[in-house]
Amino acid sequence: MVSQEGSEVELLVSPGARSEHGRYLQDPIVSIDLSEWLRIIEFLLQGLKVYGSVYHINHGNPFNMEVLVDSWPEYQMVIIRPQKQEMTDDMDSYTNVYRMFSKEPQKSEEVLKNCEIVNWKQRLQIQGLQESLGEGIRVATFSKSVKVEHSRALLLVTEDILKLNASSKSKLGSWAETGHPDDEFESETPNFKYAQLDVSYSGLVNDNWKRGKNERSLHYIKRCIEDLPAACMLGPEGVPVSWVTMDPSCEVGMAYSMEKYRRTGNMARVMVRYMKYLRQKNIPFYISVLEENEDSRRFVGQFGFFEASCEWHQWTCYPQNLVPF
C-alpha cells in the first residue's frame, strides 16, 4: 500500500474522463454498450465516499486527508484517511475515519491487517458503499482483537452524481457569490432569511445531532461548518431554525429543524437553495437515510433524490481497552 500524497487520483469519473493536476476533464462518450455503462455507474456509486473525499483533497484539503492505493496506476483498492498528525486522539472516531473503495472487496483483509495503514489501537470508523467490504473488516478486526459494530443506511443520490465533472473551476467560494435567487420568499416572509451557517452556531448543531452532544463532535462540527458548505434559515430572532451541512466526503447531513418551525417549509427552502449552490459550484453531493425513516425518504424525494443500487455502510471499531460501556 503506497501513499500517493500530493498526487492526483484517476478514480470513478465519467467514461473517457481523465485527471491531470487536480483537473477532471469530460470527454465525449463514444459508442458504449449499455451493460458496460451500467457497470461504470455501479462503480461510480460504490466509490462516492472516495470520490467526494478526493474532491475536497483537490480543493484545499481542509481536513488534511491523504490517498492510499495498493498499486499505481492500476489500483484495486483506495483508502482515504486523515494524515497521521490529524489522528492524535485515540478516542476521536469523528476524525479517525477511513473511507474505502475496492474493485475486489473480498480481498481487502490483508490490506486492512497492515498496522501501517489502519491504526487498530484507536477507536475508528471505516466507511464505504460496498457491503462486501464487511467480511474483510470482520476478519481483520478479529485478528486484532477489536470489537466492530456495523450500521447501514440507504444511499440516496440525484441525477447530478451521474454527470460529475469536478473541474479546476469548481470551488467552495462564498455564498455571496451566488446571490439569493429566491428573494421572493424573503419578501413574503421577512422574518426568515436564508444564510450561510455561521460557526458560532456549532454548539446548537451539536446539541441537536444524534451522533453529537460531546466535545469531540463539537470540534468536528466546527471544522465542517468552517471549511465546507453549510446553510441555514435564520428565524425571527436571528438564530438558525433549520440547517444542513456537509462532511469531508461530500455527504450532506446533520439536517435539522427546530421543533417549533417544523412543517413550515423552512427546511425545504434551505435544501432547494443549498442544492442550487452545490450545483453552481459543481460540488458532488449525496445523502444517507435509514431505511425505516420513511418521512425523511419522502422529504428528500421531492428534491430529486432516489435510492441508489448500493447502500451506505459504516463499521465502528473499538480496541478492547477503548470499548464503550
C-alpha atoms as a PDB file:
ATOM      1  CA  MET A   1       0.000   0.000   0.000  1.00  0.00           C
ATOM      2  CA  VAL A   2       1.665   3.218  -1.111  1.00  0.00           C
ATOM      3  CA  SER A   3       0.749   6.735  -0.030  1.00  0.00           C
ATOM      4  CA  GLN A   4       0.068   8.956  -3.021  1.00  0.00           C
ATOM      5  CA  GLU A   5       0.010  12.181  -1.031  1.00  0.00           C
ATOM      6  CA  GLY A   6       0.156  15.164  -3.320  1.00  0.00           C
ATOM      7  CA  SER A   7      -0.752  13.192  -6.447  1.00  0.00           C
ATOM      8  CA  GLU A   8      -3.960  13.115  -8.383  1.00  0.00           C
ATOM      9  CA  VAL A   9      -6.169  10.055  -8.367  1.00  0.00           C
ATOM     10  CA  GLU A  10      -7.866   8.915 -11.576  1.00  0.00           C
ATOM     11  CA  LEU A  11     -10.934   7.473  -9.975  1.00  0.00           C
ATOM     12  CA  LEU A  12     -14.562   6.987 -10.807  1.00  0.00           C
ATOM     13  CA  VAL A  13     -15.238   9.745 -13.269  1.00  0.00           C
ATOM     14  CA  SER A  14     -17.409   9.507 -16.341  1.00  0.00           C
ATOM     15  CA  PRO A  15     -16.298   7.276 -19.252  1.00  0.00           C
ATOM     16  CA  GLY A  16     -13.406   8.759 -21.176  1.00  0.00           C
ATOM     17  CA  ALA A  17     -12.625  11.197 -18.378  1.00  0.00           C
ATOM     18  CA  ARG A  18      -9.070  11.794 -17.372  1.00  0.00           C
ATOM     19  CA  SER A  19      -7.482  13.569 -14.444  1.00  0.00           C
ATOM     20  CA  GLU A  20      -4.409  15.772 -14.503  1.00  0.00           C
ATOM     21  CA  HIS A  21      -3.064  18.028 -11.755  1.00  0.00           C
ATOM     22  CA  GLY A  22      -6.353  18.377  -9.929  1.00  0.00           C
ATOM     23  CA  ARG A  23      -8.417  18.786 -13.089  1.00  0.00           C
ATOM     24  CA  TYR A  24     -11.120  16.393 -14.249  1.00  0.00           C
ATOM     25  CA  LEU A  25     -11.931  16.671 -17.936  1.00  0.00           C
ATOM     26  CA  GLN A  26     -15.116  15.370 -19.524  1.00  0.00           C
ATOM     27  CA  ASP A  27     -14.569  13.659 -22.886  1.00  0.00           C
ATOM     28  CA  PRO A  28     -17.406  12.728 -25.235  1.00  0.00           C
ATOM     29  CA  ILE A  29     -18.907   9.295 -24.673  1.00  0.00           C
ATOM     30  CA  VAL A  30     -18.482   7.337 -27.884  1.00  0.00           C
ATOM     31  CA  SER A  31     -20.393   4.089 -28.576  1.00  0.00           C
ATOM     32  CA  ILE A  32     -20.591   2.408 -25.186  1.00  0.00           C
ATOM     33  CA  ASP A  33     -22.505  -0.798 -24.562  1.00  0.00           C
ATOM     34  CA  LEU A  34     -25.437  -0.478 -22.129  1.00  0.00           C
ATOM     35  CA  SER A  35     -24.144  -3.229 -19.847  1.00  0.00           C
ATOM     36  CA  GLU A  36     -20.734  -1.543 -19.700  1.00  0.00           C
ATOM     37  CA  TRP A  37     -22.376   1.805 -18.927  1.00  0.00           C
ATOM     38  CA  LEU A  38     -24.338   0.213 -16.074  1.00  0.00           C
ATOM     39  CA  ARG A  39     -21.135  -1.325 -14.709  1.00  0.00           C
ATOM     40  CA  ILE A  40     -19.404   2.051 -14.766  1.00  0.00           C
ATOM     41  CA  ILE A  41     -22.338   3.674 -12.979  1.00  0.00           C
ATOM     42  CA  GLU A  42     -22.251   0.921 -10.363  1.00  0.00           C
ATOM     43  CA  PHE A  43     -18.532   1.519  -9.727  1.00  0.00           C
ATOM     44  CA  LEU A  44     -19.163   5.263  -9.591  1.00  0.00           C
ATOM     45  CA  LEU A  45     -21.849   4.877  -6.938  1.00  0.00           C
ATOM     46  CA  GLN A  46     -19.816   2.404  -4.881  1.00  0.00           C
ATOM     47  CA  GLY A  47     -16.882   4.817  -4.905  1.00  0.00           C
ATOM     48  CA  LEU A  48     -18.746   8.003  -3.944  1.00  0.00           C
ATOM     49  CA  LYS A  49     -17.193   8.151  -0.462  1.00  0.00           C
ATOM     50  CA  VAL A  50     -13.743   8.108  -2.039  1.00  0.00           C
ATOM     51  CA  TYR A  51     -14.698  10.398  -4.921  1.00  0.00           C
ATOM     52  CA  GLY A  52     -16.158  13.009  -2.566  1.00  0.00           C
ATOM     53  CA  SER A  53     -13.070  12.871  -0.367  1.00  0.00           C
ATOM     54  CA  VAL A  54     -10.766  13.302  -3.370  1.00  0.00           C
ATOM     55  CA  TYR A  55     -12.844  16.298  -4.415  1.00  0.00           C
ATOM     56  CA  HIS A  56     -12.084  18.064  -1.126  1.00  0.00           C
ATOM     57  CA  ILE A  57      -8.428  16.978  -1.233  1.00  0.00           C
ATOM     58  CA  ASN A  58      -8.150  18.639  -4.639  1.00  0.00           C
ATOM     59  CA  HIS A  59      -9.852  21.796  -3.351  1.00  0.00           C
ATOM     60  CA  GLY A  60      -7.686  22.864  -0.451  1.00  0.00           C
ATOM     61  CA  ASN A  61      -7.717  19.614   1.537  1.00  0.00           C
ATOM     62  CA  PRO A  62      -9.196  21.337   4.630  1.00  0.00           C
ATOM     63  CA  PHE A  63      -9.280  18.086   6.637  1.00  0.00           C
ATOM     64  CA  ASN A  64      -5.674  17.140   5.774  1.00  0.00           C
ATOM     65  CA  MET A  65      -6.561  13.786   4.224  1.00  0.00           C
ATOM     66  CA  GLU A  66      -4.338  11.526   2.153  1.00  0.00           C
ATOM     67  CA  VAL A  67      -4.910   8.894  -0.524  1.00  0.00           C
ATOM     68  CA  LEU A  68      -3.514   5.378  -0.308  1.00  0.00           C
ATOM     69  CA  VAL A  69      -3.650   2.798  -3.101  1.00  0.00           C
ATOM     70  CA  ASP A  70      -2.396  -0.775  -3.382  1.00  0.00           C
ATOM     71  CA  SER A  71      -0.661  -0.045  -6.700  1.00  0.00           C
ATOM     72  CA  TRP A  72      -0.440   2.746  -9.232  1.00  0.00           C
ATOM     73  CA  PRO A  73      -1.764   3.455 -11.773  1.00  0.00           C
ATOM     74  CA  GLU A  74      -3.519   0.045 -11.964  1.00  0.00           C
ATOM     75  CA  TYR A  75      -5.045   0.118  -8.478  1.00  0.00           C
ATOM     76  CA  GLN A  76      -7.542  -2.317  -6.983  1.00  0.00           C
ATOM     77  CA  MET A  77      -8.144  -0.607  -3.656  1.00  0.00           C
ATOM     78  CA  VAL A  78      -8.271   3.016  -2.495  1.00  0.00           C
ATOM     79  CA  ILE A  79      -8.326   4.225   1.104  1.00  0.00           C
ATOM     80  CA  ILE A  80      -8.772   7.844   2.154  1.00  0.00           C
ATOM     81  CA  ARG A  81      -7.631   8.644   5.677  1.00  0.00           C
ATOM     82  CA  PRO A  82      -6.512  11.690   7.685  1.00  0.00           C
ATOM     83  CA  GLN A  83      -2.803  12.353   7.720  1.00  0.00           C
ATOM     84  CA  LYS A  84      -1.170  10.897  10.818  1.00  0.00           C
ATOM     85  CA  GLN A  85      -0.714  14.263  12.512  1.00  0.00           C
ATOM     86  CA  GLU A  86      -4.501  14.600  12.499  1.00  0.00           C
ATOM     87  CA  MET A  87      -5.117  11.294  14.285  1.00  0.00           C
ATOM     88  CA  THR A  88      -3.610  12.081  17.666  1.00  0.00           C
ATOM     89  CA  ASP A  89      -6.670  11.345  19.827  1.00  0.00           C
ATOM     90  CA  ASP A  90      -7.228   7.592  20.147  1.00  0.00           C
ATOM     91  CA  MET A  91     -10.856   8.156  21.178  1.00  0.00           C
ATOM     92  CA  ASP A  92     -11.816  10.551  18.368  1.00  0.00           C
ATOM     93  CA  SER A  93     -13.833   8.424  15.940  1.00  0.00           C
ATOM     94  CA  TYR A  94     -15.092  11.605  14.229  1.00  0.00           C
ATOM     95  CA  THR A  95     -11.542  12.252  12.989  1.00  0.00           C
ATOM     96  CA  ASN A  96     -10.193   8.680  12.788  1.00  0.00           C
ATOM     97  CA  VAL A  97     -12.231   7.802   9.688  1.00  0.00           C
ATOM     98  CA  TYR A  98     -11.131   5.581   6.795  1.00  0.00           C
ATOM     99  CA  ARG A  99     -13.155   5.749   3.571  1.00  0.00           C
ATOM    100  CA  MET A 100     -12.708   2.807   1.248  1.00  0.00           C
ATOM    101  CA  PHE A 101     -13.404   1.541  -2.252  1.00  0.00           C
ATOM    102  CA  SER A 102     -12.181  -1.741  -3.725  1.00  0.00           C
ATOM    103  CA  LYS A 103     -12.588  -3.393  -7.101  1.00  0.00           C
ATOM    104  CA  GLU A 104     -12.110  -6.702  -5.266  1.00  0.00           C
ATOM    105  CA  PRO A 105     -13.542  -6.083  -1.778  1.00  0.00           C
ATOM    106  CA  GLN A 106     -13.346  -9.764  -0.868  1.00  0.00           C
ATOM    107  CA  LYS A 107      -9.534  -9.441  -0.912  1.00  0.00           C
ATOM    108  CA  SER A 108      -9.378  -6.453   1.434  1.00  0.00           C
ATOM    109  CA  GLU A 109      -8.483  -8.260   4.665  1.00  0.00           C
ATOM    110  CA  GLU A 110      -4.718  -8.462   4.072  1.00  0.00           C
ATOM    111  CA  VAL A 111      -4.534  -4.739   3.383  1.00  0.00           C
ATOM    112  CA  LEU A 112      -6.624  -3.946   6.456  1.00  0.00           C
ATOM    113  CA  LYS A 113      -4.461  -6.088   8.740  1.00  0.00           C
ATOM    114  CA  ASN A 114      -1.483  -3.846   7.975  1.00  0.00           C
ATOM    115  CA  CYS A 115      -0.998  -1.571  11.012  1.00  0.00           C
ATOM    116  CA  GLU A 116       0.795   0.960   8.812  1.00  0.00           C
ATOM    117  CA  ILE A 117      -2.491   1.525   7.032  1.00  0.00           C
ATOM    118  CA  VAL A 118      -5.063   1.253   9.827  1.00  0.00           C
ATOM    119  CA  ASN A 119      -4.198   2.171  13.420  1.00  0.00           C
ATOM    120  CA  TRP A 120      -6.116  -0.563  15.240  1.00  0.00           C
ATOM    121  CA  LYS A 121      -5.107   0.893  18.619  1.00  0.00           C
ATOM    122  CA  GLN A 122      -7.586   3.705  18.069  1.00  0.00           C
ATOM    123  CA  ARG A 123     -11.353   3.978  18.118  1.00  0.00           C
ATOM    124  CA  LEU A 124     -12.150   4.470  14.434  1.00  0.00           C
ATOM    125  CA  GLN A 125     -14.716   4.287  11.668  1.00  0.00           C
ATOM    126  CA  ILE A 126     -14.482   2.618   8.275  1.00  0.00           C
ATOM    127  CA  GLN A 127     -16.989   3.938   5.754  1.00  0.00           C
ATOM    128  CA  GLY A 128     -17.847   2.604   2.335  1.00  0.00           C
ATOM    129  CA  LEU A 129     -20.665   1.857  -0.061  1.00  0.00           C
ATOM    130  CA  GLN A 130     -19.844  -1.822  -0.567  1.00  0.00           C
ATOM    131  CA  GLU A 131     -21.354  -4.318   1.854  1.00  0.00           C
ATOM    132  CA  SER A 132     -18.825  -6.888   0.633  1.00  0.00           C
ATOM    133  CA  LEU A 133     -16.061  -4.944   2.432  1.00  0.00           C
ATOM    134  CA  GLY A 134     -17.565  -6.226   5.674  1.00  0.00           C
ATOM    135  CA  GLU A 135     -16.076  -9.722   5.571  1.00  0.00           C
ATOM    136  CA  GLY A 136     -12.525  -8.412   5.235  1.00  0.00           C
ATOM    137  CA  ILE A 137     -13.157  -5.901   8.009  1.00  0.00           C
ATOM    138  CA  ARG A 138     -14.523  -8.613  10.312  1.00  0.00           C
ATOM    139  CA  VAL A 139     -11.523 -10.878   9.659  1.00  0.00           C
ATOM    140  CA  ALA A 140      -9.080  -8.012  10.229  1.00  0.00           C
ATOM    141  CA  THR A 141     -10.759  -6.829  13.443  1.00  0.00           C
ATOM    142  CA  PHE A 142     -10.919 -10.387  14.810  1.00  0.00           C
ATOM    143  CA  SER A 143      -7.188 -10.840  14.214  1.00  0.00           C
ATOM    144  CA  LYS A 144      -6.536  -7.573  16.100  1.00  0.00           C
ATOM    145  CA  SER A 145      -8.961  -8.378  18.982  1.00  0.00           C
ATOM    146  CA  VAL A 146     -11.020  -5.342  18.019  1.00  0.00           C
ATOM    147  CA  LYS A 147     -14.787  -5.069  18.526  1.00  0.00           C
ATOM    148  CA  VAL A 148     -16.727  -3.912  15.460  1.00  0.00           C
ATOM    149  CA  GLU A 149     -20.278  -2.577  15.086  1.00  0.00           C
ATOM    150  CA  HIS A 150     -21.856  -2.387  11.641  1.00  0.00           C
ATOM    151  CA  SER A 151     -24.537   0.118  10.656  1.00  0.00           C
ATOM    152  CA  ARG A 152     -26.190   0.583   7.293  1.00  0.00           C
ATOM    153  CA  ALA A 153     -28.487   3.041   5.560  1.00  0.00           C
ATOM    154  CA  LEU A 154     -29.906   3.767   2.134  1.00  0.00           C
ATOM    155  CA  LEU A 155     -27.724   5.762  -0.236  1.00  0.00           C
ATOM    156  CA  LEU A 156     -29.729   8.478  -1.986  1.00  0.00           C
ATOM    157  CA  VAL A 157     -28.405  10.393  -4.979  1.00  0.00           C
ATOM    158  CA  THR A 158     -29.664  12.723  -7.690  1.00  0.00           C
ATOM    159  CA  GLU A 159     -29.006  12.594 -11.421  1.00  0.00           C
ATOM    160  CA  ASP A 160     -26.267  15.182 -10.830  1.00  0.00           C
ATOM    161  CA  ILE A 161     -23.990  12.458  -9.486  1.00  0.00           C
ATOM    162  CA  LEU A 162     -24.043  10.728 -12.883  1.00  0.00           C
ATOM    163  CA  LYS A 163     -22.776  13.895 -14.565  1.00  0.00           C
ATOM    164  CA  LEU A 164     -19.797  14.563 -12.314  1.00  0.00           C
ATOM    165  CA  ASN A 165     -17.234  16.955 -13.710  1.00  0.00           C
ATOM    166  CA  ALA A 166     -15.071  18.149 -10.836  1.00  0.00           C
ATOM    167  CA  SER A 167     -13.072  20.600 -12.901  1.00  0.00           C
ATOM    168  CA  SER A 168     -10.453  23.003 -11.632  1.00  0.00           C
ATOM    169  CA  LYS A 169     -13.132  25.686 -11.893  1.00  0.00           C
ATOM    170  CA  SER A 170     -15.019  24.068  -9.027  1.00  0.00           C
ATOM    171  CA  LYS A 171     -14.533  25.988  -5.815  1.00  0.00           C
ATOM    172  CA  LEU A 172     -16.270  26.300  -2.494  1.00  0.00           C
ATOM    173  CA  GLY A 173     -16.326  30.088  -2.607  1.00  0.00           C
ATOM    174  CA  SER A 174     -18.614  32.355  -0.643  1.00  0.00           C
ATOM    175  CA  TRP A 175     -22.369  32.152  -0.502  1.00  0.00           C
ATOM    176  CA  ALA A 176     -22.468  35.800  -1.511  1.00  0.00           C
ATOM    177  CA  GLU A 177     -21.003  34.922  -4.918  1.00  0.00           C
ATOM    178  CA  THR A 178     -24.139  33.037  -5.962  1.00  0.00           C
ATOM    179  CA  GLY A 179     -26.622  35.629  -4.741  1.00  0.00           C
ATOM    180  CA  HIS A 180     -30.063  34.781  -3.406  1.00  0.00           C
ATOM    181  CA  PRO A 181     -32.281  33.614  -6.274  1.00  0.00           C
ATOM    182  CA  ASP A 182     -35.307  33.131  -4.019  1.00  0.00           C
ATOM    183  CA  ASP A 183     -35.668  36.703  -2.776  1.00  0.00           C
ATOM    184  CA  GLU A 184     -39.382  36.286  -3.418  1.00  0.00           C
ATOM    185  CA  PHE A 185     -39.545  34.005  -0.384  1.00  0.00           C
ATOM    186  CA  GLU A 186     -37.804  36.584   1.815  1.00  0.00           C
ATOM    187  CA  SER A 187     -40.123  39.377   0.695  1.00  0.00           C
ATOM    188  CA  GLU A 188     -43.161  37.272   1.543  1.00  0.00           C
ATOM    189  CA  THR A 189     -41.806  36.231   4.955  1.00  0.00           C
ATOM    190  CA  PRO A 190     -39.398  38.962   6.060  1.00  0.00           C
ATOM    191  CA  ASN A 191     -38.770  37.349   9.453  1.00  0.00           C
ATOM    192  CA  PHE A 192     -36.884  34.455   7.844  1.00  0.00           C
ATOM    193  CA  LYS A 193     -33.635  34.671   5.938  1.00  0.00           C
ATOM    194  CA  TYR A 194     -31.524  32.075   4.155  1.00  0.00           C
ATOM    195  CA  ALA A 195     -27.849  32.356   5.096  1.00  0.00           C
ATOM    196  CA  GLN A 196     -24.534  30.607   5.371  1.00  0.00           C
ATOM    197  CA  LEU A 197     -24.441  28.732   8.673  1.00  0.00           C
ATOM    198  CA  ASP A 198     -22.010  30.549  10.951  1.00  0.00           C
ATOM    199  CA  VAL A 199     -19.501  28.573  13.015  1.00  0.00           C
ATOM    200  CA  SER A 200     -20.744  30.363  16.140  1.00  0.00           C
ATOM    201  CA  TYR A 201     -23.791  28.073  15.977  1.00  0.00           C
ATOM    202  CA  SER A 202     -21.719  24.886  16.152  1.00  0.00           C
ATOM    203  CA  GLY A 203     -23.000  24.270  19.673  1.00  0.00           C
ATOM    204  CA  LEU A 204     -26.603  24.463  18.504  1.00  0.00           C
ATOM    205  CA  VAL A 205     -25.921  21.914  15.757  1.00  0.00           C
ATOM    206  CA  ASN A 206     -24.024  19.662  18.175  1.00  0.00           C
ATOM    207  CA  ASP A 207     -26.829  19.721  20.745  1.00  0.00           C
ATOM    208  CA  ASN A 208     -29.343  18.542  18.144  1.00  0.00           C
ATOM    209  CA  TRP A 209     -27.234  15.957  16.295  1.00  0.00           C
ATOM    210  CA  LYS A 210     -27.975  12.374  17.323  1.00  0.00           C
ATOM    211  CA  ARG A 211     -24.327  11.412  16.934  1.00  0.00           C
ATOM    212  CA  GLY A 212     -23.144  14.548  18.715  1.00  0.00           C
ATOM    213  CA  LYS A 213     -23.608  16.104  22.133  1.00  0.00           C
ATOM    214  CA  ASN A 214     -19.940  15.767  23.171  1.00  0.00           C
ATOM    215  CA  GLU A 215     -16.727  17.796  22.886  1.00  0.00           C
ATOM    216  CA  ARG A 216     -15.205  15.711  20.102  1.00  0.00           C
ATOM    217  CA  SER A 217     -18.321  16.015  17.956  1.00  0.00           C
ATOM    218  CA  LEU A 218     -18.367  19.762  18.628  1.00  0.00           C
ATOM    219  CA  HIS A 219     -14.796  20.085  17.340  1.00  0.00           C
ATOM    220  CA  TYR A 220     -15.716  18.069  14.236  1.00  0.00           C
ATOM    221  CA  ILE A 221     -18.842  20.152  13.560  1.00  0.00           C
ATOM    222  CA  LYS A 222     -16.856  23.385  13.866  1.00  0.00           C
ATOM    223  CA  ARG A 223     -14.454  22.180  11.185  1.00  0.00           C
ATOM    224  CA  CYS A 224     -17.295  21.127   8.876  1.00  0.00           C
ATOM    225  CA  ILE A 225     -19.033  24.495   9.188  1.00  0.00           C
ATOM    226  CA  GLU A 226     -15.817  26.498   8.825  1.00  0.00           C
ATOM    227  CA  ASP A 227     -14.398  24.630   5.847  1.00  0.00           C
ATOM    228  CA  LEU A 228     -17.323  23.051   3.967  1.00  0.00           C
ATOM    229  CA  PRO A 229     -20.661  24.305   2.603  1.00  0.00           C
ATOM    230  CA  ALA A 230     -23.257  24.711   5.367  1.00  0.00           C
ATOM    231  CA  ALA A 231     -26.549  26.600   5.133  1.00  0.00           C
ATOM    232  CA  CYS A 232     -29.415  27.623   7.394  1.00  0.00           C
ATOM    233  CA  MET A 233     -32.650  29.557   7.692  1.00  0.00           C
ATOM    234  CA  LEU A 234     -32.466  32.329  10.261  1.00  0.00           C
ATOM    235  CA  GLY A 235     -35.674  32.815  12.240  1.00  0.00           C
ATOM    236  CA  PRO A 236     -37.309  35.938  13.701  1.00  0.00           C
ATOM    237  CA  GLU A 237     -34.707  36.103  16.497  1.00  0.00           C
ATOM    238  CA  GLY A 238     -31.831  35.918  14.021  1.00  0.00           C
ATOM    239  CA  VAL A 239     -30.946  32.384  15.135  1.00  0.00           C
ATOM    240  CA  PRO A 240     -30.927  29.320  12.827  1.00  0.00           C
ATOM    241  CA  VAL A 241     -34.190  27.361  12.893  1.00  0.00           C
ATOM    242  CA  SER A 242     -33.241  24.894  10.114  1.00  0.00           C
ATOM    243  CA  TRP A 243     -29.803  23.917   8.824  1.00  0.00           C
ATOM    244  CA  VAL A 244     -27.777  21.455   6.758  1.00  0.00           C
ATOM    245  CA  THR A 245     -24.041  20.691   6.494  1.00  0.00           C
ATOM    246  CA  MET A 246     -21.576  18.566   4.511  1.00  0.00           C
ATOM    247  CA  ASP A 247     -18.898  16.100   5.637  1.00  0.00           C
ATOM    248  CA  PRO A 248     -15.324  15.613   4.276  1.00  0.00           C
ATOM    249  CA  SER A 249     -16.577  13.028   1.749  1.00  0.00           C
ATOM    250  CA  CYS A 250     -19.250  15.366   0.290  1.00  0.00           C
ATOM    251  CA  GLU A 251     -22.092  13.620   2.126  1.00  0.00           C
ATOM    252  CA  VAL A 252     -24.843  16.079   3.070  1.00  0.00           C
ATOM    253  CA  GLY A 253     -26.051  15.607   6.626  1.00  0.00           C
ATOM    254  CA  MET A 254     -26.838  16.899  10.128  1.00  0.00           C
ATOM    255  CA  ALA A 255     -30.031  18.363   8.617  1.00  0.00           C
ATOM    256  CA  TYR A 256     -32.343  19.550  11.371  1.00  0.00           C
ATOM    257  CA  SER A 257     -35.270  21.885  12.054  1.00  0.00           C
ATOM    258  CA  MET A 258     -36.172  23.186  15.487  1.00  0.00           C
ATOM    259  CA  GLU A 259     -39.457  21.637  16.610  1.00  0.00           C
ATOM    260  CA  LYS A 260     -41.319  24.946  16.679  1.00  0.00           C
ATOM    261  CA  TYR A 261     -40.533  25.524  12.979  1.00  0.00           C
ATOM    262  CA  ARG A 262     -41.163  22.061  11.544  1.00  0.00           C
ATOM    263  CA  ARG A 263     -43.684  21.556   8.736  1.00  0.00           C
ATOM    264  CA  THR A 264     -43.377  25.225   7.815  1.00  0.00           C
ATOM    265  CA  GLY A 265     -41.370  24.712   4.618  1.00  0.00           C
ATOM    266  CA  ASN A 266     -38.161  26.184   6.048  1.00  0.00           C
ATOM    267  CA  MET A 267     -36.070  23.040   5.568  1.00  0.00           C
ATOM    268  CA  ALA A 268     -37.395  22.610   2.036  1.00  0.00           C
ATOM    269  CA  ARG A 269     -36.349  26.175   1.183  1.00  0.00           C
ATOM    270  CA  VAL A 270     -32.926  25.578   2.692  1.00  0.00           C
ATOM    271  CA  MET A 271     -32.456  22.393   0.672  1.00  0.00           C
ATOM    272  CA  VAL A 272     -33.555  23.983  -2.625  1.00  0.00           C
ATOM    273  CA  ARG A 273     -31.073  26.836  -2.321  1.00  0.00           C
ATOM    274  CA  TYR A 274     -28.304  24.717  -0.812  1.00  0.00           C
ATOM    275  CA  MET A 275     -28.508  22.239  -3.695  1.00  0.00           C
ATOM    276  CA  LYS A 276     -28.553  25.122  -6.187  1.00  0.00           C
ATOM    277  CA  TYR A 277     -25.310  26.394  -4.657  1.00  0.00           C
ATOM    278  CA  LEU A 278     -23.658  22.961  -4.843  1.00  0.00           C
ATOM    279  CA  ARG A 279     -24.665  22.612  -8.489  1.00  0.00           C
ATOM    280  CA  GLN A 280     -23.409  26.093  -9.351  1.00  0.00           C
ATOM    281  CA  LYS A 281     -20.047  25.252  -7.768  1.00  0.00           C
ATOM    282  CA  ASN A 282     -20.018  21.760  -9.300  1.00  0.00           C
ATOM    283  CA  ILE A 283     -19.643  20.119  -5.875  1.00  0.00           C
ATOM    284  CA  PRO A 284     -20.725  16.448  -5.734  1.00  0.00           C
ATOM    285  CA  PHE A 285     -23.297  15.575  -3.072  1.00  0.00           C
ATOM    286  CA  TYR A 286     -25.395  12.669  -1.816  1.00  0.00           C
ATOM    287  CA  ILE A 287     -27.159  11.660   1.396  1.00  0.00           C
ATOM    288  CA  SER A 288     -27.861   8.584   3.516  1.00  0.00           C
ATOM    289  CA  VAL A 289     -31.163   7.826   5.238  1.00  0.00           C
ATOM    290  CA  LEU A 290     -32.148   4.948   7.499  1.00  0.00           C
ATOM    291  CA  GLU A 291     -34.464   2.594   5.636  1.00  0.00           C
ATOM    292  CA  GLU A 292     -37.136   2.837   8.334  1.00  0.00           C
ATOM    293  CA  ASN A 293     -37.135   6.655   8.221  1.00  0.00           C
ATOM    294  CA  GLU A 294     -39.941   6.937   5.681  1.00  0.00           C
ATOM    295  CA  ASP A 295     -40.635  10.610   6.451  1.00  0.00           C
ATOM    296  CA  SER A 296     -37.088  11.614   5.521  1.00  0.00           C
ATOM    297  CA  ARG A 297     -37.169   9.458   2.406  1.00  0.00           C
ATOM    298  CA  ARG A 298     -40.362  11.151   1.224  1.00  0.00           C
ATOM    299  CA  PHE A 299     -38.988  14.588   2.105  1.00  0.00           C
ATOM    300  CA  VAL A 300     -35.767  14.276   0.085  1.00  0.00           C
ATOM    301  CA  GLY A 301     -37.598  12.560  -2.752  1.00  0.00           C
ATOM    302  CA  GLN A 302     -39.213  15.870  -3.676  1.00  0.00           C
ATOM    303  CA  PHE A 303     -35.739  17.267  -4.443  1.00  0.00           C
ATOM    304  CA  GLY A 304     -34.908  14.539  -6.936  1.00  0.00           C
ATOM    305  CA  PHE A 305     -33.099  12.111  -4.629  1.00  0.00           C
ATOM    306  CA  PHE A 306     -33.596   8.438  -5.432  1.00  0.00           C
ATOM    307  CA  GLU A 307     -32.336   5.191  -3.929  1.00  0.00           C
ATOM    308  CA  ALA A 308     -29.021   4.002  -5.360  1.00  0.00           C
ATOM    309  CA  SER A 309     -28.286   0.377  -6.176  1.00  0.00           C
ATOM    310  CA  CYS A 310     -25.734   0.153  -3.356  1.00  0.00           C
ATOM    311  CA  GLU A 311     -26.061   1.056   0.321  1.00  0.00           C
ATOM    312  CA  TRP A 312     -24.206   3.213   2.842  1.00  0.00           C
ATOM    313  CA  HIS A 313     -22.123   1.232   5.354  1.00  0.00           C
ATOM    314  CA  GLN A 314     -20.140   2.142   8.443  1.00  0.00           C
ATOM    315  CA  TRP A 315     -18.059  -0.095  10.656  1.00  0.00           C
ATOM    316  CA  THR A 316     -17.213   1.424  14.065  1.00  0.00           C
ATOM    317  CA  CYS A 317     -14.207  -0.291  15.600  1.00  0.00           C
ATOM    318  CA  TYR A 318     -13.093  -0.334  19.241  1.00  0.00           C
ATOM    319  CA  PRO A 319      -9.862  -1.798  20.650  1.00  0.00           C
ATOM    320  CA  GLN A 320     -10.577  -3.837  23.782  1.00  0.00           C
ATOM    321  CA  ASN A 321      -9.251  -1.125  26.089  1.00  0.00           C
ATOM    322  CA  LEU A 322     -11.479   1.503  24.391  1.00  0.00           C
ATOM    323  CA  VAL A 323     -14.756  -0.403  24.120  1.00  0.00           C
ATOM    324  CA  PRO A 324     -17.620   1.813  25.384  1.00  0.00           C
ATOM    325  CA  PHE A 325     -19.725   0.555  28.248  1.00  0.00           C
END
